[in-house]
Amino acid sequence: MAEHVNDTFMQQLNQHLGIAHKVCGLYFDDAEEKQDVIQEMLYQLWRSYPGFDGRSKFSTWMYRVCLNTALTYRRKERKHQSQPLSPGHHQIPDEPAGHQEESIKQLHAAIATLSPLNKAVVLLYLEDLRYEEIAQVTGLTKSNVSVRLVRIKKELEKMLKKQENPYSHANPR
């Protein structure tokens, strides 16, 4: 029986492993750190699997565990150290990228400035999860998810417009 449970867990984990990578990509930049966090996520998933009761989809439960692990890891890291920006952080690319690619980079940069909870809501929304599923993963109510998404979209829109025209807030002389 235990072997069947392990096989089922491994099969589902392999099917949805991209979730861990997406969550890490949203919260961490350093490749080594991402690997550490993914290992921690896998451990937490394995450790908490006996408590998975099937009332939600496996992927919904996995998002919740992975997001909680990522947020916990970030809190622990912030307490222990502050890391300087990498030397390439403020570099401008040598060649201009395509317009669509640049727009995606700007959107990712804007999303990166959101609070951890709002990042999670956006990630789940972009993964086409229903509001009920987002609520299950984040612990918010369905109506709170809806309200948050409206506010987040407005906030992102405002940030992107500001990036397009950084001098729009300056007073003309």
N, C-alpha and C. Protein backbone atom coordinates (compact mmCIF):
# COMPACT_ATOMS: atom_id res chain seq x y z
N MET A 1 0.83 -1.20 0.00
CA MET A 1 0.00 0.00 0.00
C MET A 1 0.87 1.26 0.00
N ALA A 2 1.87 1.31 0.87
CA ALA A 2 2.75 2.48 0.95
C ALA A 2 3.50 2.69 -0.36
N GLU A 3 3.86 1.59 -1.02
CA GLU A 3 4.57 1.69 -2.30
C GLU A 3 3.66 2.32 -3.35
N HIS A 4 2.37 1.96 -3.34
CA HIS A 4 1.41 2.54 -4.28
C HIS A 4 1.27 4.04 -4.04
N VAL A 5 1.22 4.45 -2.77
CA VAL A 5 1.11 5.87 -2.42
C VAL A 5 2.34 6.61 -2.92
N ASN A 6 3.54 6.03 -2.72
CA ASN A 6 4.77 6.66 -3.20
C ASN A 6 4.78 6.78 -4.72
N ASP A 7 4.33 5.72 -5.41
CA ASP A 7 4.27 5.74 -6.87
C ASP A 7 3.32 6.83 -7.35
N THR A 8 2.16 6.93 -6.71
CA THR A 8 1.16 7.95 -7.07
C THR A 8 1.74 9.34 -6.85
N PHE A 9 2.37 9.53 -5.71
CA PHE A 9 2.97 10.82 -5.40
C PHE A 9 4.02 11.19 -6.44
N MET A 10 4.92 10.29 -6.75
CA MET A 10 5.99 10.55 -7.71
C MET A 10 5.42 10.85 -9.11
N GLN A 11 4.40 10.10 -9.48
CA GLN A 11 3.78 10.33 -10.79
C GLN A 11 3.17 11.73 -10.86
N GLN A 12 2.42 12.11 -9.83
CA GLN A 12 1.80 13.43 -9.81
C GLN A 12 2.86 14.53 -9.71
N LEU A 13 3.88 14.30 -8.91
CA LEU A 13 4.94 15.28 -8.75
C LEU A 13 5.64 15.52 -10.08
N ASN A 14 5.99 14.47 -10.78
CA ASN A 14 6.66 14.61 -12.07
C ASN A 14 5.76 15.31 -13.09
N GLN A 15 4.48 15.05 -13.02
CA GLN A 15 3.53 15.67 -13.95
C GLN A 15 3.43 17.18 -13.72
N HIS A 16 3.61 17.61 -12.48
CA HIS A 16 3.41 19.02 -12.13
C HIS A 16 4.69 19.72 -11.65
N LEU A 17 5.85 19.15 -11.95
CA LEU A 17 7.11 19.71 -11.47
C LEU A 17 7.34 21.14 -11.95
N GLY A 18 6.77 21.49 -13.07
CA GLY A 18 6.90 22.86 -13.59
C GLY A 18 6.40 23.91 -12.61
N ILE A 19 5.47 23.55 -11.75
CA ILE A 19 4.94 24.48 -10.76
C ILE A 19 6.07 24.98 -9.86
N ALA A 20 6.91 24.08 -9.38
CA ALA A 20 8.02 24.46 -8.50
C ALA A 20 8.97 25.41 -9.23
N HIS A 21 9.24 25.12 -10.48
CA HIS A 21 10.15 25.96 -11.25
C HIS A 21 9.54 27.35 -11.51
N LYS A 22 8.25 27.41 -11.77
CA LYS A 22 7.59 28.70 -12.00
C LYS A 22 7.61 29.55 -10.74
N VAL A 23 7.31 28.93 -9.61
CA VAL A 23 7.30 29.67 -8.35
C VAL A 23 8.71 30.18 -8.06
N CYS A 24 9.71 29.34 -8.23
CA CYS A 24 11.10 29.77 -7.99
C CYS A 24 11.50 30.90 -8.94
N GLY A 25 11.10 30.79 -10.18
CA GLY A 25 11.43 31.82 -11.15
C GLY A 25 10.82 33.17 -10.81
N LEU A 26 9.71 33.14 -10.13
CA LEU A 26 9.03 34.38 -9.75
C LEU A 26 9.68 35.05 -8.54
N TYR A 27 10.21 34.25 -7.62
CA TYR A 27 10.72 34.80 -6.37
C TYR A 27 12.23 34.85 -6.26
N PHE A 28 12.96 34.12 -7.11
CA PHE A 28 14.42 34.03 -6.97
C PHE A 28 15.10 34.23 -8.31
N ASP A 29 16.25 34.93 -8.30
CA ASP A 29 17.00 35.18 -9.52
C ASP A 29 18.22 34.26 -9.64
N ASP A 30 18.88 34.00 -8.53
CA ASP A 30 20.11 33.23 -8.53
C ASP A 30 19.84 31.74 -8.81
N ALA A 31 20.54 31.18 -9.80
CA ALA A 31 20.31 29.79 -10.22
C ALA A 31 20.59 28.81 -9.08
N GLU A 32 21.65 29.06 -8.33
CA GLU A 32 21.99 28.17 -7.21
C GLU A 32 20.91 28.22 -6.13
N GLU A 33 20.45 29.41 -5.85
CA GLU A 33 19.40 29.58 -4.85
C GLU A 33 18.11 28.89 -5.31
N LYS A 34 17.79 29.00 -6.60
CA LYS A 34 16.60 28.34 -7.15
C LYS A 34 16.68 26.83 -6.91
N GLN A 35 17.85 26.25 -7.15
CA GLN A 35 18.01 24.81 -6.95
C GLN A 35 17.81 24.44 -5.49
N ASP A 36 18.35 25.26 -4.59
CA ASP A 36 18.17 25.01 -3.15
C ASP A 36 16.69 25.05 -2.78
N VAL A 37 16.00 26.06 -3.29
CA VAL A 37 14.58 26.22 -2.96
C VAL A 37 13.76 25.08 -3.57
N ILE A 38 14.08 24.67 -4.78
CA ILE A 38 13.35 23.55 -5.39
C ILE A 38 13.54 22.29 -4.56
N GLN A 39 14.76 22.06 -4.08
CA GLN A 39 15.01 20.90 -3.22
C GLN A 39 14.16 20.99 -1.95
N GLU A 40 14.10 22.18 -1.38
CA GLU A 40 13.29 22.38 -0.17
C GLU A 40 11.81 22.16 -0.48
N MET A 41 11.36 22.62 -1.64
CA MET A 41 9.96 22.42 -2.04
C MET A 41 9.65 20.93 -2.17
N LEU A 42 10.54 20.20 -2.82
CA LEU A 42 10.32 18.76 -3.00
C LEU A 42 10.27 18.05 -1.65
N TYR A 43 11.14 18.46 -0.75
CA TYR A 43 11.13 17.87 0.59
C TYR A 43 9.81 18.18 1.29
N GLN A 44 9.37 19.44 1.23
CA GLN A 44 8.12 19.83 1.89
C GLN A 44 6.91 19.13 1.26
N LEU A 45 6.94 18.95 -0.05
CA LEU A 45 5.85 18.23 -0.71
C LEU A 45 5.80 16.78 -0.24
N TRP A 46 6.95 16.13 -0.22
CA TRP A 46 7.01 14.74 0.22
C TRP A 46 6.57 14.62 1.68
N ARG A 47 7.05 15.56 2.51
CA ARG A 47 6.75 15.53 3.95
C ARG A 47 5.26 15.75 4.22
N SER A 48 4.63 16.62 3.43
CA SER A 48 3.23 16.95 3.71
C SER A 48 2.24 16.15 2.88
N TYR A 49 2.72 15.30 1.98
CA TYR A 49 1.82 14.52 1.13
C TYR A 49 0.83 13.66 1.92
N PRO A 50 1.24 13.05 3.04
CA PRO A 50 0.24 12.26 3.80
C PRO A 50 -0.97 13.08 4.23
N GLY A 51 -0.81 14.39 4.34
CA GLY A 51 -1.93 15.25 4.73
C GLY A 51 -2.78 15.70 3.54
N PHE A 52 -2.35 15.38 2.31
CA PHE A 52 -3.13 15.74 1.13
C PHE A 52 -4.35 14.84 1.07
N ASP A 53 -5.53 15.45 1.19
CA ASP A 53 -6.76 14.65 1.29
C ASP A 53 -7.55 14.55 -0.01
N GLY A 54 -7.07 15.19 -1.06
CA GLY A 54 -7.75 15.08 -2.35
C GLY A 54 -8.96 15.98 -2.51
N ARG A 55 -9.23 16.84 -1.54
CA ARG A 55 -10.38 17.74 -1.67
C ARG A 55 -10.13 18.81 -2.73
N SER A 56 -8.86 19.08 -3.00
CA SER A 56 -8.51 19.99 -4.09
C SER A 56 -7.67 19.21 -5.09
N LYS A 57 -7.43 19.82 -6.25
CA LYS A 57 -6.58 19.15 -7.23
C LYS A 57 -5.15 19.09 -6.68
N PHE A 58 -4.41 18.09 -7.11
CA PHE A 58 -3.02 17.96 -6.68
C PHE A 58 -2.24 19.23 -7.03
N SER A 59 -2.46 19.77 -8.22
CA SER A 59 -1.72 20.96 -8.65
C SER A 59 -2.02 22.16 -7.75
N THR A 60 -3.26 22.30 -7.32
CA THR A 60 -3.63 23.40 -6.42
C THR A 60 -2.91 23.25 -5.10
N TRP A 61 -2.92 22.03 -4.55
CA TRP A 61 -2.22 21.76 -3.30
C TRP A 61 -0.72 22.01 -3.47
N MET A 62 -0.17 21.60 -4.61
CA MET A 62 1.26 21.76 -4.86
C MET A 62 1.62 23.25 -4.93
N TYR A 63 0.79 24.06 -5.59
CA TYR A 63 1.04 25.50 -5.61
C TYR A 63 1.13 26.05 -4.19
N ARG A 64 0.20 25.64 -3.37
CA ARG A 64 0.16 26.15 -1.99
C ARG A 64 1.44 25.80 -1.24
N VAL A 65 1.86 24.54 -1.33
CA VAL A 65 3.08 24.10 -0.63
C VAL A 65 4.30 24.84 -1.19
N CYS A 66 4.39 24.94 -2.51
CA CYS A 66 5.55 25.59 -3.13
C CYS A 66 5.61 27.08 -2.80
N LEU A 67 4.47 27.75 -2.86
CA LEU A 67 4.45 29.18 -2.52
C LEU A 67 4.81 29.40 -1.05
N ASN A 68 4.25 28.61 -0.17
CA ASN A 68 4.58 28.74 1.25
C ASN A 68 6.06 28.48 1.50
N THR A 69 6.62 27.48 0.83
CA THR A 69 8.04 27.17 0.99
C THR A 69 8.90 28.32 0.49
N ALA A 70 8.56 28.86 -0.68
CA ALA A 70 9.34 29.97 -1.24
C ALA A 70 9.28 31.20 -0.33
N LEU A 71 8.11 31.52 0.17
CA LEU A 71 7.98 32.68 1.04
C LEU A 71 8.71 32.48 2.36
N THR A 72 8.63 31.29 2.91
CA THR A 72 9.35 30.98 4.15
C THR A 72 10.85 31.08 3.92
N TYR A 73 11.33 30.54 2.82
CA TYR A 73 12.76 30.57 2.49
C TYR A 73 13.23 32.02 2.36
N ARG A 74 12.44 32.85 1.69
CA ARG A 74 12.82 34.27 1.52
C ARG A 74 12.89 34.99 2.86
N ARG A 75 11.93 34.72 3.74
CA ARG A 75 11.96 35.37 5.06
C ARG A 75 13.20 34.97 5.83
N LYS A 76 13.55 33.67 5.79
CA LYS A 76 14.74 33.19 6.50
C LYS A 76 16.00 33.83 5.92
N GLU A 77 16.10 33.91 4.61
CA GLU A 77 17.28 34.47 3.96
C GLU A 77 17.43 35.96 4.28
N ARG A 78 16.34 36.68 4.30
CA ARG A 78 16.41 38.11 4.60
C ARG A 78 16.91 38.35 6.02
N LYS A 79 16.55 37.48 6.93
CA LYS A 79 17.01 37.62 8.32
C LYS A 79 18.50 37.38 8.43
N HIS A 80 19.03 36.46 7.62
CA HIS A 80 20.43 36.06 7.75
C HIS A 80 21.40 36.92 6.96
N GLN A 81 20.97 37.48 5.86
CA GLN A 81 21.91 38.24 5.04
C GLN A 81 21.20 39.18 4.10
N SER A 82 21.92 40.21 3.71
CA SER A 82 21.44 41.06 2.63
C SER A 82 22.45 40.91 1.51
N GLN A 83 21.96 40.64 0.33
CA GLN A 83 22.85 40.39 -0.79
C GLN A 83 22.95 41.63 -1.66
N PRO A 84 24.18 41.97 -2.08
CA PRO A 84 24.32 43.11 -2.99
C PRO A 84 23.77 42.75 -4.37
N LEU A 85 23.43 43.77 -5.14
CA LEU A 85 22.96 43.52 -6.49
C LEU A 85 24.10 42.95 -7.32
N SER A 86 23.76 42.11 -8.25
CA SER A 86 24.78 41.54 -9.12
C SER A 86 25.33 42.64 -10.02
N PRO A 87 26.58 42.51 -10.49
CA PRO A 87 27.17 43.56 -11.33
C PRO A 87 26.36 43.85 -12.59
N GLY A 88 25.71 42.86 -13.15
CA GLY A 88 24.94 43.05 -14.37
C GLY A 88 23.54 43.55 -14.16
N HIS A 89 23.15 43.81 -12.93
CA HIS A 89 21.77 44.16 -12.63
C HIS A 89 21.29 45.41 -13.37
N HIS A 90 22.15 46.42 -13.47
CA HIS A 90 21.72 47.67 -14.10
C HIS A 90 22.23 47.83 -15.52
N GLN A 91 22.76 46.79 -16.09
CA GLN A 91 23.29 46.89 -17.44
C GLN A 91 22.17 46.95 -18.47
N ILE A 92 22.41 47.72 -19.50
CA ILE A 92 21.47 47.81 -20.61
C ILE A 92 21.96 46.85 -21.68
N PRO A 93 21.09 46.06 -22.27
CA PRO A 93 21.54 45.11 -23.28
C PRO A 93 22.21 45.83 -24.45
N ASP A 94 23.19 45.16 -25.06
CA ASP A 94 23.92 45.74 -26.19
C ASP A 94 23.02 45.99 -27.38
N GLU A 95 22.16 45.02 -27.69
CA GLU A 95 21.28 45.15 -28.84
C GLU A 95 19.84 45.24 -28.34
N PRO A 96 19.05 46.12 -28.94
CA PRO A 96 17.65 46.20 -28.51
C PRO A 96 16.90 44.91 -28.84
N ALA A 97 16.11 44.47 -27.90
CA ALA A 97 15.32 43.26 -28.10
C ALA A 97 14.06 43.61 -28.88
N GLY A 98 13.38 42.59 -29.37
CA GLY A 98 12.12 42.80 -30.07
C GLY A 98 11.11 43.45 -29.15
N HIS A 99 10.15 44.17 -29.74
CA HIS A 99 9.16 44.91 -28.94
C HIS A 99 8.39 43.99 -27.99
N GLN A 100 7.96 42.84 -28.49
CA GLN A 100 7.18 41.93 -27.64
C GLN A 100 8.04 41.40 -26.49
N GLU A 101 9.27 41.03 -26.80
CA GLU A 101 10.17 40.52 -25.77
C GLU A 101 10.43 41.59 -24.72
N GLU A 102 10.59 42.84 -25.15
CA GLU A 102 10.83 43.94 -24.23
C GLU A 102 9.59 44.17 -23.36
N SER A 103 8.41 44.08 -23.94
CA SER A 103 7.17 44.25 -23.18
C SER A 103 7.04 43.17 -22.11
N ILE A 104 7.42 41.96 -22.45
CA ILE A 104 7.36 40.85 -21.48
C ILE A 104 8.35 41.10 -20.35
N LYS A 105 9.55 41.56 -20.69
CA LYS A 105 10.55 41.88 -19.66
C LYS A 105 10.03 42.97 -18.73
N GLN A 106 9.39 43.99 -19.31
CA GLN A 106 8.85 45.07 -18.49
C GLN A 106 7.74 44.57 -17.58
N LEU A 107 6.90 43.69 -18.11
CA LEU A 107 5.83 43.13 -17.29
C LEU A 107 6.42 42.31 -16.14
N HIS A 108 7.41 41.48 -16.43
CA HIS A 108 8.06 40.68 -15.38
C HIS A 108 8.70 41.59 -14.32
N ALA A 109 9.33 42.67 -14.77
CA ALA A 109 9.95 43.61 -13.84
C ALA A 109 8.88 44.27 -12.96
N ALA A 110 7.75 44.62 -13.55
CA ALA A 110 6.66 45.22 -12.78
C ALA A 110 6.09 44.22 -11.78
N ILE A 111 5.90 42.98 -12.21
CA ILE A 111 5.39 41.94 -11.31
C ILE A 111 6.35 41.72 -10.15
N ALA A 112 7.65 41.79 -10.42
CA ALA A 112 8.66 41.58 -9.38
C ALA A 112 8.57 42.60 -8.26
N THR A 113 7.97 43.76 -8.53
CA THR A 113 7.87 44.79 -7.49
C THR A 113 6.64 44.60 -6.59
N LEU A 114 5.77 43.68 -6.95
CA LEU A 114 4.56 43.44 -6.16
C LEU A 114 4.90 42.75 -4.84
N SER A 115 3.98 42.84 -3.91
CA SER A 115 4.15 42.13 -2.64
C SER A 115 4.16 40.62 -2.91
N PRO A 116 4.75 39.84 -2.00
CA PRO A 116 4.78 38.38 -2.22
C PRO A 116 3.40 37.77 -2.47
N LEU A 117 2.40 38.19 -1.73
CA LEU A 117 1.06 37.63 -1.91
C LEU A 117 0.50 38.02 -3.27
N ASN A 118 0.68 39.27 -3.68
CA ASN A 118 0.17 39.70 -4.99
C ASN A 118 0.91 39.00 -6.13
N LYS A 119 2.21 38.75 -5.96
CA LYS A 119 2.96 37.98 -6.96
C LYS A 119 2.33 36.60 -7.11
N ALA A 120 2.02 35.98 -5.98
CA ALA A 120 1.42 34.64 -6.01
C ALA A 120 0.08 34.66 -6.73
N VAL A 121 -0.74 35.67 -6.44
CA VAL A 121 -2.06 35.78 -7.08
C VAL A 121 -1.88 35.93 -8.59
N VAL A 122 -0.94 36.78 -9.02
CA VAL A 122 -0.70 36.98 -10.45
C VAL A 122 -0.20 35.69 -11.10
N LEU A 123 0.75 35.02 -10.46
CA LEU A 123 1.28 33.76 -11.00
C LEU A 123 0.15 32.76 -11.22
N LEU A 124 -0.68 32.58 -10.23
CA LEU A 124 -1.77 31.61 -10.33
C LEU A 124 -2.79 32.04 -11.39
N TYR A 125 -3.05 33.33 -11.48
CA TYR A 125 -3.96 33.85 -12.49
C TYR A 125 -3.40 33.60 -13.89
N LEU A 126 -2.11 33.85 -14.07
CA LEU A 126 -1.48 33.63 -15.37
C LEU A 126 -1.40 32.14 -15.72
N GLU A 127 -1.51 31.29 -14.72
CA GLU A 127 -1.53 29.84 -14.94
C GLU A 127 -2.95 29.35 -15.22
N ASP A 128 -3.89 30.29 -15.36
CA ASP A 128 -5.29 30.00 -15.68
C ASP A 128 -6.02 29.23 -14.58
N LEU A 129 -5.61 29.42 -13.33
CA LEU A 129 -6.36 28.82 -12.24
C LEU A 129 -7.63 29.63 -12.03
N ARG A 130 -8.69 28.95 -11.66
CA ARG A 130 -9.95 29.62 -11.35
C ARG A 130 -9.81 30.38 -10.03
N TYR A 131 -10.67 31.36 -9.82
CA TYR A 131 -10.60 32.15 -8.60
C TYR A 131 -10.71 31.28 -7.36
N GLU A 132 -11.53 30.22 -7.43
CA GLU A 132 -11.68 29.31 -6.29
C GLU A 132 -10.35 28.64 -5.97
N GLU A 133 -9.64 28.24 -7.01
CA GLU A 133 -8.35 27.57 -6.82
C GLU A 133 -7.30 28.54 -6.28
N ILE A 134 -7.32 29.77 -6.81
CA ILE A 134 -6.38 30.78 -6.30
C ILE A 134 -6.66 31.03 -4.82
N ALA A 135 -7.94 31.09 -4.47
CA ALA A 135 -8.32 31.29 -3.07
C ALA A 135 -7.82 30.14 -2.20
N GLN A 136 -7.96 28.90 -2.68
CA GLN A 136 -7.48 27.75 -1.92
C GLN A 136 -5.98 27.82 -1.68
N VAL A 137 -5.24 28.18 -2.72
CA VAL A 137 -3.78 28.21 -2.62
C VAL A 137 -3.30 29.33 -1.70
N THR A 138 -3.90 30.51 -1.84
CA THR A 138 -3.42 31.68 -1.11
C THR A 138 -4.05 31.87 0.26
N GLY A 139 -5.18 31.21 0.49
CA GLY A 139 -5.87 31.40 1.77
C GLY A 139 -6.78 32.61 1.76
N LEU A 140 -6.94 33.25 0.61
CA LEU A 140 -7.85 34.39 0.49
C LEU A 140 -9.25 33.88 0.18
N THR A 141 -10.22 34.76 0.29
CA THR A 141 -11.57 34.39 -0.15
C THR A 141 -11.64 34.61 -1.66
N LYS A 142 -12.62 33.98 -2.29
CA LYS A 142 -12.80 34.12 -3.74
C LYS A 142 -13.04 35.58 -4.10
N SER A 143 -13.86 36.29 -3.33
CA SER A 143 -14.14 37.69 -3.63
C SER A 143 -12.90 38.56 -3.43
N ASN A 144 -12.08 38.22 -2.43
CA ASN A 144 -10.84 38.96 -2.21
C ASN A 144 -9.88 38.77 -3.38
N VAL A 145 -9.83 37.55 -3.93
CA VAL A 145 -9.00 37.28 -5.11
C VAL A 145 -9.44 38.18 -6.26
N SER A 146 -10.74 38.25 -6.46
CA SER A 146 -11.29 39.06 -7.55
C SER A 146 -10.92 40.53 -7.38
N VAL A 147 -11.13 41.06 -6.18
CA VAL A 147 -10.82 42.47 -5.90
C VAL A 147 -9.32 42.72 -6.05
N ARG A 148 -8.52 41.81 -5.52
CA ARG A 148 -7.06 41.95 -5.61
C ARG A 148 -6.59 41.98 -7.06
N LEU A 149 -7.14 41.10 -7.87
CA LEU A 149 -6.73 41.05 -9.27
C LEU A 149 -7.05 42.35 -10.00
N VAL A 150 -8.20 42.94 -9.71
CA VAL A 150 -8.55 44.22 -10.32
C VAL A 150 -7.53 45.27 -9.91
N ARG A 151 -7.20 45.32 -8.62
CA ARG A 151 -6.24 46.31 -8.11
C ARG A 151 -4.84 46.05 -8.67
N ILE A 152 -4.45 44.79 -8.72
CA ILE A 152 -3.12 44.44 -9.24
C ILE A 152 -3.01 44.84 -10.71
N LYS A 153 -4.04 44.55 -11.48
CA LYS A 153 -4.01 44.92 -12.91
C LYS A 153 -3.86 46.43 -13.08
N LYS A 154 -4.60 47.20 -12.28
CA LYS A 154 -4.48 48.66 -12.34
C LYS A 154 -3.08 49.11 -11.94
N GLU A 155 -2.54 48.50 -10.90
CA GLU A 155 -1.20 48.85 -10.43
C GLU A 155 -0.15 48.52 -11.49
N LEU A 156 -0.26 47.35 -12.11
CA LEU A 156 0.69 46.97 -13.16
C LEU A 156 0.57 47.89 -14.37
N GLU A 157 -0.66 48.22 -14.73
CA GLU A 157 -0.89 49.12 -15.85
C GLU A 157 -0.24 50.47 -15.60
N LYS A 158 -0.40 50.97 -14.39
CA LYS A 158 0.19 52.26 -14.00
C LYS A 158 1.73 52.19 -14.08
N MET A 159 2.30 51.09 -13.57
CA MET A 159 3.76 50.93 -13.61
C MET A 159 4.27 50.85 -15.04
N LEU A 160 3.56 50.12 -15.88
CA LEU A 160 4.00 49.97 -17.27
C LEU A 160 3.90 51.29 -18.03
N LYS A 161 2.86 52.07 -17.76
CA LYS A 161 2.74 53.38 -18.40
C LYS A 161 3.87 54.29 -17.95
N LYS A 162 4.22 54.20 -16.67
CA LYS A 162 5.31 55.01 -16.13
C LYS A 162 6.64 54.61 -16.79
N GLN A 163 6.82 53.31 -17.07
CA GLN A 163 8.04 52.84 -17.73
C GLN A 163 8.10 53.34 -19.17
N GLU A 164 6.94 53.39 -19.83
CA GLU A 164 6.89 53.87 -21.21
C GLU A 164 7.24 55.34 -21.30
N ASN A 165 6.76 56.11 -20.33
CA ASN A 165 6.99 57.56 -20.32
C ASN A 165 7.42 57.97 -18.93
N PRO A 166 8.71 57.78 -18.59
CA PRO A 166 9.17 58.05 -17.22
C PRO A 166 9.10 59.52 -16.82
N TYR A 167 8.95 60.42 -17.79
CA TYR A 167 8.92 61.85 -17.47
C TYR A 167 7.50 62.42 -17.44
N SER A 168 6.50 61.56 -17.51
CA SER A 168 5.12 62.03 -17.57
C SER A 168 4.69 62.72 -16.29
N HIS A 169 5.37 62.43 -15.17
CA HIS A 169 4.99 63.04 -13.91
C HIS A 169 5.70 64.39 -13.67
N ALA A 170 6.66 64.74 -14.52
CA ALA A 170 7.39 65.98 -14.36
C ALA A 170 6.50 67.17 -14.79
N ASN A 171 6.66 68.27 -14.11
CA ASN A 171 5.88 69.46 -14.45
C ASN A 171 6.55 70.18 -15.62
N PRO A 172 5.77 70.52 -16.67
CA PRO A 172 6.35 71.27 -17.78
C PRO A 172 6.65 72.70 -17.36
N ARG A 173 7.68 73.32 -17.93
CA ARG A 173 8.02 74.70 -17.55
C ARG A 173 7.42 75.69 -18.48
